Amino acid sequence: MVEPVDPVESGTDAEPLVLVTGGTGTLGRAVVRGLLARGRAVRLLSRRPRPAGDRGPCRWATGDLTTGEGVGAAVSGAGVIVHCATTLGRGDVAATRRLADAAHRAGSRPHLVYISIVGVDRVPLPYYRAKLAAERVVAESGLPWTVLRATQFHDLIARVTDAQRLSPVALALAGVRFQPVDAEEVAERLADLAVGEPAGRVPDMGGPQVRDHAELTRATLRARGRRRPVLPLWLPGAAFRGYRAGGHLAPDHAVGRITYEEYLAGAVR
């Protein structure tokens, strides 16, 4: 269900309404904040109804990209769509196609901005393959489009270690480096792209440092006040060969500013 849209909040020809899919996720919430800070009218698409008592400034649409329910109403009137929603699997391809098809049926040609991952064309991980296929859906949708690839978010790297908090040891991927980037900084880049002209595939966005996973794991443990030995975990297969080869890194695009330790310092409660 889409809330009624007041004329002042529905966007204008100069500053069209922006729909953010996955708007309640870590990245989506930050994108919404960035767009509102830029004075844009924003509609958030979520599978869940708006929480009782939420009086936030953005509009709310309830819909499900995995079934298509409510998606047509959500895209209606949108001049820009920032697609942050993910199924964390192969469902991303069909969800992205449903979104693009709904935009066509709505009779408009919104600018479709898609967030992807550095290395989707170099690391044969099933999720990466799905993201690459979703990129193709965007590029072949017939809509004006922009695709940004980013390296792994800080919070993802931290969650890998935090998930092992009950273990007497912490495992880190042997021979694998990461280039974690702050989700807020990626959101700012997406907001800039959303208010700009369609640009196709834009330069990748990486964090400021390329770091060994064991080193990042030790930093997480220190920030959490935990003392654990860190043991290397060697995983077989083509996907992890791609990781060890650095296919998911973007050292020539280390444009992020917030380091992993700075993220940890802010994330500690």
C-alpha atoms as a PDB file:
ATOM      1  CA  MET A   1       0.000   0.000   0.000  1.00  0.00           C
ATOM      2  CA  VAL A   2       1.250   3.473  -0.883  1.00  0.00           C
ATOM      3  CA  GLU A   3       0.409   6.391   1.336  1.00  0.00           C
ATOM      4  CA  PRO A   4      -1.363   9.307  -0.342  1.00  0.00           C
ATOM      5  CA  VAL A   5       1.227  11.716  -1.678  1.00  0.00           C
ATOM      6  CA  ASP A   6       0.803  15.404  -1.007  1.00  0.00           C
ATOM      7  CA  PRO A   7       1.519  17.588  -4.073  1.00  0.00           C
ATOM      8  CA  VAL A   8       4.425  19.253  -2.307  1.00  0.00           C
ATOM      9  CA  GLU A   9       5.935  15.828  -1.577  1.00  0.00           C
ATOM     10  CA  SER A  10       5.346  14.182  -4.940  1.00  0.00           C
ATOM     11  CA  GLY A  11       8.329  15.700  -6.717  1.00  0.00           C
ATOM     12  CA  THR A  12       8.505  18.158  -9.586  1.00  0.00           C
ATOM     13  CA  ASP A  13       9.840  18.064 -13.118  1.00  0.00           C
ATOM     14  CA  ALA A  14      13.015  19.742 -11.843  1.00  0.00           C
ATOM     15  CA  GLU A  15      13.332  17.546  -8.748  1.00  0.00           C
ATOM     16  CA  PRO A  16      11.449  14.273  -9.307  1.00  0.00           C
ATOM     17  CA  LEU A  17      10.246  11.914  -6.612  1.00  0.00           C
ATOM     18  CA  VAL A  18      12.887   9.328  -5.698  1.00  0.00           C
ATOM     19  CA  LEU A  19      11.875   5.767  -4.804  1.00  0.00           C
ATOM     20  CA  VAL A  20      14.365   3.839  -2.646  1.00  0.00           C
ATOM     21  CA  THR A  21      13.958   0.064  -2.588  1.00  0.00           C
ATOM     22  CA  GLY A  22      15.279  -1.682   0.494  1.00  0.00           C
ATOM     23  CA  GLY A  23      14.841   1.622   2.250  1.00  0.00           C
ATOM     24  CA  THR A  24      14.816   0.114   5.734  1.00  0.00           C
ATOM     25  CA  GLY A  25      18.169  -1.663   5.331  1.00  0.00           C
ATOM     26  CA  THR A  26      21.553  -0.360   6.428  1.00  0.00           C
ATOM     27  CA  LEU A  27      22.360   1.161   3.051  1.00  0.00           C
ATOM     28  CA  GLY A  28      18.815   2.124   2.121  1.00  0.00           C
ATOM     29  CA  ARG A  29      18.231   4.099   5.327  1.00  0.00           C
ATOM     30  CA  ALA A  30      21.402   6.074   4.702  1.00  0.00           C
ATOM     31  CA  VAL A  31      20.414   6.736   1.084  1.00  0.00           C
ATOM     32  CA  VAL A  32      17.029   8.040   2.252  1.00  0.00           C
ATOM     33  CA  ARG A  33      18.750  10.391   4.703  1.00  0.00           C
ATOM     34  CA  GLY A  34      21.125  11.617   2.002  1.00  0.00           C
ATOM     35  CA  LEU A  35      18.304  12.343  -0.440  1.00  0.00           C
ATOM     36  CA  LEU A  36      16.220  14.144   2.169  1.00  0.00           C
ATOM     37  CA  ALA A  37      19.266  16.241   3.068  1.00  0.00           C
ATOM     38  CA  ARG A  38      19.408  17.243  -0.602  1.00  0.00           C
ATOM     39  CA  GLY A  39      15.820  18.434  -0.445  1.00  0.00           C
ATOM     40  CA  ARG A  40      14.382  15.595  -2.526  1.00  0.00           C
ATOM     41  CA  ALA A  41      10.957  14.041  -2.139  1.00  0.00           C
ATOM     42  CA  VAL A  42      11.512  10.401  -1.179  1.00  0.00           C
ATOM     43  CA  ARG A  43       9.311   7.320  -1.155  1.00  0.00           C
ATOM     44  CA  LEU A  44      10.605   4.243   0.658  1.00  0.00           C
ATOM     45  CA  LEU A  45       9.678   0.737  -0.514  1.00  0.00           C
ATOM     46  CA  SER A  46       9.563  -1.950   2.177  1.00  0.00           C
ATOM     47  CA  ARG A  47       7.933  -5.344   2.535  1.00  0.00           C
ATOM     48  CA  ARG A  48       6.666  -4.252   5.938  1.00  0.00           C
ATOM     49  CA  PRO A  49       4.075  -1.582   6.723  1.00  0.00           C
ATOM     50  CA  ARG A  50       5.227   1.666   8.221  1.00  0.00           C
ATOM     51  CA  PRO A  51       5.843   1.219  11.959  1.00  0.00           C
ATOM     52  CA  ALA A  52       3.249   2.762  14.209  1.00  0.00           C
ATOM     53  CA  GLY A  53       4.405   6.123  15.446  1.00  0.00           C
ATOM     54  CA  ASP A  54       6.888   6.665  12.599  1.00  0.00           C
ATOM     55  CA  ARG A  55       6.509  10.275  11.539  1.00  0.00           C
ATOM     56  CA  GLY A  56       9.550  10.454   9.309  1.00  0.00           C
ATOM     57  CA  PRO A  57       9.571  12.910   6.419  1.00  0.00           C
ATOM     58  CA  CYS A  58       9.626  10.332   3.602  1.00  0.00           C
ATOM     59  CA  ARG A  59       6.613   8.612   2.099  1.00  0.00           C
ATOM     60  CA  TRP A  60       6.152   4.854   2.556  1.00  0.00           C
ATOM     61  CA  ALA A  61       5.149   2.132   0.111  1.00  0.00           C
ATOM     62  CA  THR A  62       4.557  -1.481   1.111  1.00  0.00           C
ATOM     63  CA  GLY A  63       5.465  -3.957  -1.603  1.00  0.00           C
ATOM     64  CA  ASP A  64       7.376  -7.139  -2.295  1.00  0.00           C
ATOM     65  CA  LEU A  65       9.847  -7.371  -5.162  1.00  0.00           C
ATOM     66  CA  THR A  66       9.932 -11.165  -4.873  1.00  0.00           C
ATOM     67  CA  THR A  67       6.238 -11.426  -5.796  1.00  0.00           C
ATOM     68  CA  GLY A  68       5.587  -8.073  -7.461  1.00  0.00           C
ATOM     69  CA  GLU A  69       2.798  -7.242  -5.031  1.00  0.00           C
ATOM     70  CA  GLY A  70       2.539  -3.477  -4.515  1.00  0.00           C
ATOM     71  CA  VAL A  71       5.504  -2.680  -6.764  1.00  0.00           C
ATOM     72  CA  GLY A  72       3.431  -1.012  -9.489  1.00  0.00           C
ATOM     73  CA  ALA A  73       1.936   1.442  -7.032  1.00  0.00           C
ATOM     74  CA  ALA A  74       5.328   2.060  -5.468  1.00  0.00           C
ATOM     75  CA  VAL A  75       6.997   3.115  -8.740  1.00  0.00           C
ATOM     76  CA  SER A  76       4.066   5.256  -9.864  1.00  0.00           C
ATOM     77  CA  GLY A  77       5.169   8.863 -10.173  1.00  0.00           C
ATOM     78  CA  ALA A  78       8.830   8.156  -9.423  1.00  0.00           C
ATOM     79  CA  GLY A  79      11.341   9.948 -11.598  1.00  0.00           C
ATOM     80  CA  VAL A  80      14.306   8.155 -10.023  1.00  0.00           C
ATOM     81  CA  ILE A  81      14.611   4.688  -8.467  1.00  0.00           C
ATOM     82  CA  VAL A  82      17.561   3.806  -6.230  1.00  0.00           C
ATOM     83  CA  HIS A  83      17.555   0.025  -6.073  1.00  0.00           C
ATOM     84  CA  CYS A  84      19.160  -1.092  -2.787  1.00  0.00           C
ATOM     85  CA  ALA A  85      16.947  -4.099  -2.029  1.00  0.00           C
ATOM     86  CA  THR A  86      18.507  -7.544  -2.180  1.00  0.00           C
ATOM     87  CA  THR A  87      17.388 -11.120  -1.638  1.00  0.00           C
ATOM     88  CA  LEU A  88      21.019 -12.077  -0.915  1.00  0.00           C
ATOM     89  CA  GLY A  89      20.753 -14.635  -3.682  1.00  0.00           C
ATOM     90  CA  ARG A  90      19.546 -15.475  -7.160  1.00  0.00           C
ATOM     91  CA  GLY A  91      16.224 -13.783  -6.477  1.00  0.00           C
ATOM     92  CA  ASP A  92      17.901 -10.438  -7.130  1.00  0.00           C
ATOM     93  CA  VAL A  93      17.654 -10.998 -10.888  1.00  0.00           C
ATOM     94  CA  ALA A  94      13.914 -11.554 -10.956  1.00  0.00           C
ATOM     95  CA  ALA A  95      13.324  -8.781  -8.411  1.00  0.00           C
ATOM     96  CA  THR A  96      15.254  -6.289 -10.517  1.00  0.00           C
ATOM     97  CA  ARG A  97      13.364  -7.352 -13.634  1.00  0.00           C
ATOM     98  CA  ARG A  98      10.023  -6.907 -11.844  1.00  0.00           C
ATOM     99  CA  LEU A  99      11.070  -3.437 -10.775  1.00  0.00           C
ATOM    100  CA  ALA A 100      12.068  -2.400 -14.301  1.00  0.00           C
ATOM    101  CA  ASP A 101       8.917  -3.907 -15.807  1.00  0.00           C
ATOM    102  CA  ALA A 102       6.751  -2.092 -13.266  1.00  0.00           C
ATOM    103  CA  ALA A 103       8.433   1.186 -14.196  1.00  0.00           C
ATOM    104  CA  HIS A 104       7.612   0.582 -17.865  1.00  0.00           C
ATOM    105  CA  ARG A 105       4.000  -0.293 -17.068  1.00  0.00           C
ATOM    106  CA  ALA A 106       3.696   2.906 -15.061  1.00  0.00           C
ATOM    107  CA  GLY A 107       4.290   4.769 -18.306  1.00  0.00           C
ATOM    108  CA  SER A 108       7.421   6.556 -17.184  1.00  0.00           C
ATOM    109  CA  ARG A 109      11.135   6.172 -17.755  1.00  0.00           C
ATOM    110  CA  PRO A 110      12.692   6.747 -14.334  1.00  0.00           C
ATOM    111  CA  HIS A 111      16.437   6.901 -13.863  1.00  0.00           C
ATOM    112  CA  LEU A 112      17.321   3.500 -12.355  1.00  0.00           C
ATOM    113  CA  VAL A 113      20.336   3.584 -10.001  1.00  0.00           C
ATOM    114  CA  TYR A 114      21.671   0.200  -8.916  1.00  0.00           C
ATOM    115  CA  ILE A 115      24.208  -0.718  -6.248  1.00  0.00           C
ATOM    116  CA  SER A 116      26.409  -3.709  -7.045  1.00  0.00           C
ATOM    117  CA  ILE A 117      29.657  -5.213  -5.760  1.00  0.00           C
ATOM    118  CA  VAL A 118      33.237  -4.897  -6.952  1.00  0.00           C
ATOM    119  CA  GLY A 119      34.339  -8.211  -8.427  1.00  0.00           C
ATOM    120  CA  VAL A 120      30.981  -9.589  -9.556  1.00  0.00           C
ATOM    121  CA  ASP A 121      32.597 -10.283 -12.918  1.00  0.00           C
ATOM    122  CA  ARG A 122      35.795 -11.763 -11.444  1.00  0.00           C
ATOM    123  CA  VAL A 123      34.821 -13.809  -8.387  1.00  0.00           C
ATOM    124  CA  PRO A 124      32.536 -16.766  -9.258  1.00  0.00           C
ATOM    125  CA  LEU A 125      30.487 -16.642  -6.071  1.00  0.00           C
ATOM    126  CA  PRO A 126      26.799 -17.497  -6.667  1.00  0.00           C
ATOM    127  CA  TYR A 127      25.602 -14.216  -5.116  1.00  0.00           C
ATOM    128  CA  TYR A 128      28.071 -12.257  -7.222  1.00  0.00           C
ATOM    129  CA  ARG A 129      26.812 -13.993 -10.358  1.00  0.00           C
ATOM    130  CA  ALA A 130      23.294 -12.926  -9.416  1.00  0.00           C
ATOM    131  CA  LYS A 131      24.403  -9.319  -8.921  1.00  0.00           C
ATOM    132  CA  LEU A 132      26.150  -9.348 -12.300  1.00  0.00           C
ATOM    133  CA  ALA A 133      23.015 -10.711 -13.968  1.00  0.00           C
ATOM    134  CA  ALA A 134      20.948  -8.021 -12.226  1.00  0.00           C
ATOM    135  CA  GLU A 135      23.354  -5.397 -13.583  1.00  0.00           C
ATOM    136  CA  ARG A 136      22.591  -6.707 -17.083  1.00  0.00           C
ATOM    137  CA  VAL A 137      18.865  -6.425 -16.408  1.00  0.00           C
ATOM    138  CA  VAL A 138      19.380  -2.780 -15.464  1.00  0.00           C
ATOM    139  CA  ALA A 139      21.543  -2.023 -18.498  1.00  0.00           C
ATOM    140  CA  GLU A 140      19.130  -3.760 -20.874  1.00  0.00           C
ATOM    141  CA  SER A 141      15.950  -2.435 -19.266  1.00  0.00           C
ATOM    142  CA  GLY A 142      15.446   0.390 -21.711  1.00  0.00           C
ATOM    143  CA  LEU A 143      15.487   2.834 -18.805  1.00  0.00           C
ATOM    144  CA  PRO A 144      18.113   5.510 -18.158  1.00  0.00           C
ATOM    145  CA  TRP A 145      20.510   3.827 -15.747  1.00  0.00           C
ATOM    146  CA  THR A 146      23.520   4.081 -13.477  1.00  0.00           C
ATOM    147  CA  VAL A 147      25.402   1.225 -11.777  1.00  0.00           C
ATOM    148  CA  LEU A 148      27.853   1.694  -8.905  1.00  0.00           C
ATOM    149  CA  ARG A 149      30.001  -1.170  -7.623  1.00  0.00           C
ATOM    150  CA  ALA A 150      31.364  -0.922  -4.073  1.00  0.00           C
ATOM    151  CA  THR A 151      33.689  -3.083  -1.997  1.00  0.00           C
ATOM    152  CA  GLN A 152      32.526  -4.849   1.180  1.00  0.00           C
ATOM    153  CA  PHE A 153      30.940  -2.692   3.862  1.00  0.00           C
ATOM    154  CA  HIS A 154      32.631  -2.316   7.238  1.00  0.00           C
ATOM    155  CA  ASP A 155      29.710  -3.886   9.065  1.00  0.00           C
ATOM    156  CA  LEU A 156      29.855  -7.040   6.931  1.00  0.00           C
ATOM    157  CA  ILE A 157      33.507  -7.599   7.836  1.00  0.00           C
ATOM    158  CA  ALA A 158      32.706  -7.057  11.515  1.00  0.00           C
ATOM    159  CA  ARG A 159      29.739  -9.439  11.428  1.00  0.00           C
ATOM    160  CA  VAL A 160      31.943 -12.295  10.214  1.00  0.00           C
ATOM    161  CA  THR A 161      33.992 -12.005  13.421  1.00  0.00           C
ATOM    162  CA  ASP A 162      31.040 -11.238  15.686  1.00  0.00           C
ATOM    163  CA  ALA A 163      29.271 -14.400  14.482  1.00  0.00           C
ATOM    164  CA  GLN A 164      32.121 -16.374  16.089  1.00  0.00           C
ATOM    165  CA  ARG A 165      31.862 -14.692  19.487  1.00  0.00           C
ATOM    166  CA  LEU A 166      31.099 -17.958  21.308  1.00  0.00           C
ATOM    167  CA  SER A 167      34.044 -19.759  19.736  1.00  0.00           C
ATOM    168  CA  PRO A 168      37.363 -20.028  21.615  1.00  0.00           C
ATOM    169  CA  VAL A 169      39.145 -19.059  18.376  1.00  0.00           C
ATOM    170  CA  ALA A 170      38.398 -16.667  15.529  1.00  0.00           C
ATOM    171  CA  LEU A 171      38.813 -17.857  11.963  1.00  0.00           C
ATOM    172  CA  ALA A 172      40.009 -15.582   9.169  1.00  0.00           C
ATOM    173  CA  LEU A 173      40.219 -16.387   5.474  1.00  0.00           C
ATOM    174  CA  ALA A 174      43.805 -17.325   4.662  1.00  0.00           C
ATOM    175  CA  GLY A 175      45.426 -15.301   1.899  1.00  0.00           C
ATOM    176  CA  VAL A 176      42.385 -13.029   1.498  1.00  0.00           C
ATOM    177  CA  ARG A 177      42.437  -9.257   1.756  1.00  0.00           C
ATOM    178  CA  PHE A 178      39.472  -6.899   1.936  1.00  0.00           C
ATOM    179  CA  GLN A 179      38.993  -3.217   1.238  1.00  0.00           C
ATOM    180  CA  PRO A 180      36.110  -2.306   3.541  1.00  0.00           C
ATOM    181  CA  VAL A 181      34.173   0.861   2.829  1.00  0.00           C
ATOM    182  CA  ASP A 182      31.711   2.731   5.005  1.00  0.00           C
ATOM    183  CA  ALA A 183      28.051   2.253   4.067  1.00  0.00           C
ATOM    184  CA  GLU A 184      27.283   5.909   4.814  1.00  0.00           C
ATOM    185  CA  GLU A 185      29.893   7.007   2.287  1.00  0.00           C
ATOM    186  CA  VAL A 186      28.477   4.667  -0.355  1.00  0.00           C
ATOM    187  CA  ALA A 187      25.007   6.043   0.408  1.00  0.00           C
ATOM    188  CA  GLU A 188      26.265   9.585  -0.139  1.00  0.00           C
ATOM    189  CA  ARG A 189      27.662   8.548  -3.509  1.00  0.00           C
ATOM    190  CA  LEU A 190      24.363   6.906  -4.462  1.00  0.00           C
ATOM    191  CA  ALA A 191      22.429  10.009  -3.450  1.00  0.00           C
ATOM    192  CA  ASP A 192      24.710  12.134  -5.639  1.00  0.00           C
ATOM    193  CA  LEU A 193      24.197   9.745  -8.549  1.00  0.00           C
ATOM    194  CA  ALA A 194      20.435   9.761  -8.022  1.00  0.00           C
ATOM    195  CA  VAL A 195      20.169  13.534  -8.321  1.00  0.00           C
ATOM    196  CA  GLY A 196      22.521  13.567 -11.320  1.00  0.00           C
ATOM    197  CA  GLU A 197      22.173  12.450 -14.895  1.00  0.00           C
ATOM    198  CA  PRO A 198      22.192   8.745 -15.856  1.00  0.00           C
ATOM    199  CA  ALA A 199      25.836   7.727 -16.255  1.00  0.00           C
ATOM    200  CA  GLY A 200      25.889   3.979 -17.025  1.00  0.00           C
ATOM    201  CA  ARG A 201      28.631   2.090 -15.205  1.00  0.00           C
ATOM    202  CA  VAL A 202      30.436   4.618 -13.012  1.00  0.00           C
ATOM    203  CA  PRO A 203      33.880   4.149 -11.397  1.00  0.00           C
ATOM    204  CA  ASP A 204      34.018   1.619  -8.588  1.00  0.00           C
ATOM    205  CA  MET A 205      34.060   2.760  -4.972  1.00  0.00           C
ATOM    206  CA  GLY A 206      36.504   1.180  -2.544  1.00  0.00           C
ATOM    207  CA  GLY A 207      37.492   1.785   1.044  1.00  0.00           C
ATOM    208  CA  PRO A 208      40.680   3.648   1.955  1.00  0.00           C
ATOM    209  CA  GLN A 209      42.769   0.584   2.850  1.00  0.00           C
ATOM    210  CA  VAL A 210      43.369  -2.935   1.537  1.00  0.00           C
ATOM    211  CA  ARG A 211      43.842  -5.136   4.613  1.00  0.00           C
ATOM    212  CA  ASP A 212      44.502  -8.786   5.343  1.00  0.00           C
ATOM    213  CA  HIS A 213      41.417 -10.512   6.752  1.00  0.00           C
ATOM    214  CA  ALA A 214      43.352 -11.759   9.780  1.00  0.00           C
ATOM    215  CA  GLU A 215      44.393  -8.186  10.560  1.00  0.00           C
ATOM    216  CA  LEU A 216      40.787  -6.980  10.279  1.00  0.00           C
ATOM    217  CA  THR A 217      39.650  -9.836  12.504  1.00  0.00           C
ATOM    218  CA  ARG A 218      42.165  -8.885  15.204  1.00  0.00           C
ATOM    219  CA  ALA A 219      41.031  -5.255  15.008  1.00  0.00           C
ATOM    220  CA  THR A 220      37.422  -6.353  15.522  1.00  0.00           C
ATOM    221  CA  LEU A 221      38.335  -8.486  18.517  1.00  0.00           C
ATOM    222  CA  ARG A 222      40.275  -5.618  20.106  1.00  0.00           C
ATOM    223  CA  ALA A 223      37.360  -3.228  19.613  1.00  0.00           C
ATOM    224  CA  ARG A 224      34.979  -5.729  21.223  1.00  0.00           C
ATOM    225  CA  GLY A 225      37.328  -6.325  24.153  1.00  0.00           C
ATOM    226  CA  ARG A 226      37.768 -10.009  23.307  1.00  0.00           C
ATOM    227  CA  ARG A 227      40.968 -12.023  23.450  1.00  0.00           C
ATOM    228  CA  ARG A 228      41.027 -14.897  20.946  1.00  0.00           C
ATOM    229  CA  PRO A 229      43.692 -16.528  18.824  1.00  0.00           C
ATOM    230  CA  VAL A 230      43.095 -15.898  15.116  1.00  0.00           C
ATOM    231  CA  LEU A 231      43.519 -18.985  12.971  1.00  0.00           C
ATOM    232  CA  PRO A 232      43.774 -19.027   9.164  1.00  0.00           C
ATOM    233  CA  LEU A 233      41.007 -20.831   7.281  1.00  0.00           C
ATOM    234  CA  TRP A 234      41.955 -22.066   3.822  1.00  0.00           C
ATOM    235  CA  LEU A 235      38.897 -22.691   1.650  1.00  0.00           C
ATOM    236  CA  PRO A 236      39.026 -24.459  -1.707  1.00  0.00           C
ATOM    237  CA  GLY A 237      37.159 -23.615  -4.865  1.00  0.00           C
ATOM    238  CA  ALA A 238      37.132 -21.068  -7.661  1.00  0.00           C
ATOM    239  CA  ALA A 239      35.342 -18.401  -5.646  1.00  0.00           C
ATOM    240  CA  PHE A 240      38.011 -18.295  -2.955  1.00  0.00           C
ATOM    241  CA  ARG A 241      40.751 -18.410  -5.554  1.00  0.00           C
ATOM    242  CA  GLY A 242      39.133 -15.268  -6.931  1.00  0.00           C
ATOM    243  CA  TYR A 243      39.186 -13.689  -3.482  1.00  0.00           C
ATOM    244  CA  ARG A 244      42.829 -14.614  -2.937  1.00  0.00           C
ATOM    245  CA  ALA A 245      43.649 -13.108  -6.343  1.00  0.00           C
ATOM    246  CA  GLY A 246      42.023  -9.842  -5.240  1.00  0.00           C
ATOM    247  CA  GLY A 247      39.205  -9.869  -7.763  1.00  0.00           C
ATOM    248  CA  HIS A 248      36.922  -8.119  -5.260  1.00  0.00           C
ATOM    249  CA  LEU A 249      39.325  -5.223  -4.621  1.00  0.00           C
ATOM    250  CA  ALA A 250      39.501  -1.777  -6.176  1.00  0.00           C
ATOM    251  CA  PRO A 251      42.885  -0.351  -5.084  1.00  0.00           C
ATOM    252  CA  ASP A 252      42.815   2.228  -7.880  1.00  0.00           C
ATOM    253  CA  HIS A 253      39.498   3.541  -6.529  1.00  0.00           C
ATOM    254  CA  ALA A 254      40.277   3.835  -2.816  1.00  0.00           C
ATOM    255  CA  VAL A 255      38.035   6.888  -2.448  1.00  0.00           C
ATOM    256  CA  GLY A 256      36.486   6.047   0.919  1.00  0.00           C
ATOM    257  CA  ARG A 257      37.761   8.079   3.858  1.00  0.00           C
ATOM    258  CA  ILE A 258      36.604   6.219   6.980  1.00  0.00           C
ATOM    259  CA  THR A 259      39.018   3.476   8.022  1.00  0.00           C
ATOM    260  CA  TYR A 260      37.941   0.192   9.558  1.00  0.00           C
ATOM    261  CA  GLU A 261      39.261   1.187  12.995  1.00  0.00           C
ATOM    262  CA  GLU A 262      37.339   4.470  12.803  1.00  0.00           C
ATOM    263  CA  TYR A 263      34.184   2.534  11.954  1.00  0.00           C
ATOM    264  CA  LEU A 264      34.776   0.179  14.889  1.00  0.00           C
ATOM    265  CA  ALA A 265      35.285   3.085  17.271  1.00  0.00           C
ATOM    266  CA  GLY A 266      31.949   4.546  16.209  1.00  0.00           C
ATOM    267  CA  ALA A 267      30.160   1.190  16.216  1.00  0.00           C
ATOM    268  CA  VAL A 268      31.176   0.171  19.753  1.00  0.00           C
ATOM    269  CA  ARG A 269      28.332   0.651  22.198  1.00  0.00           C
END
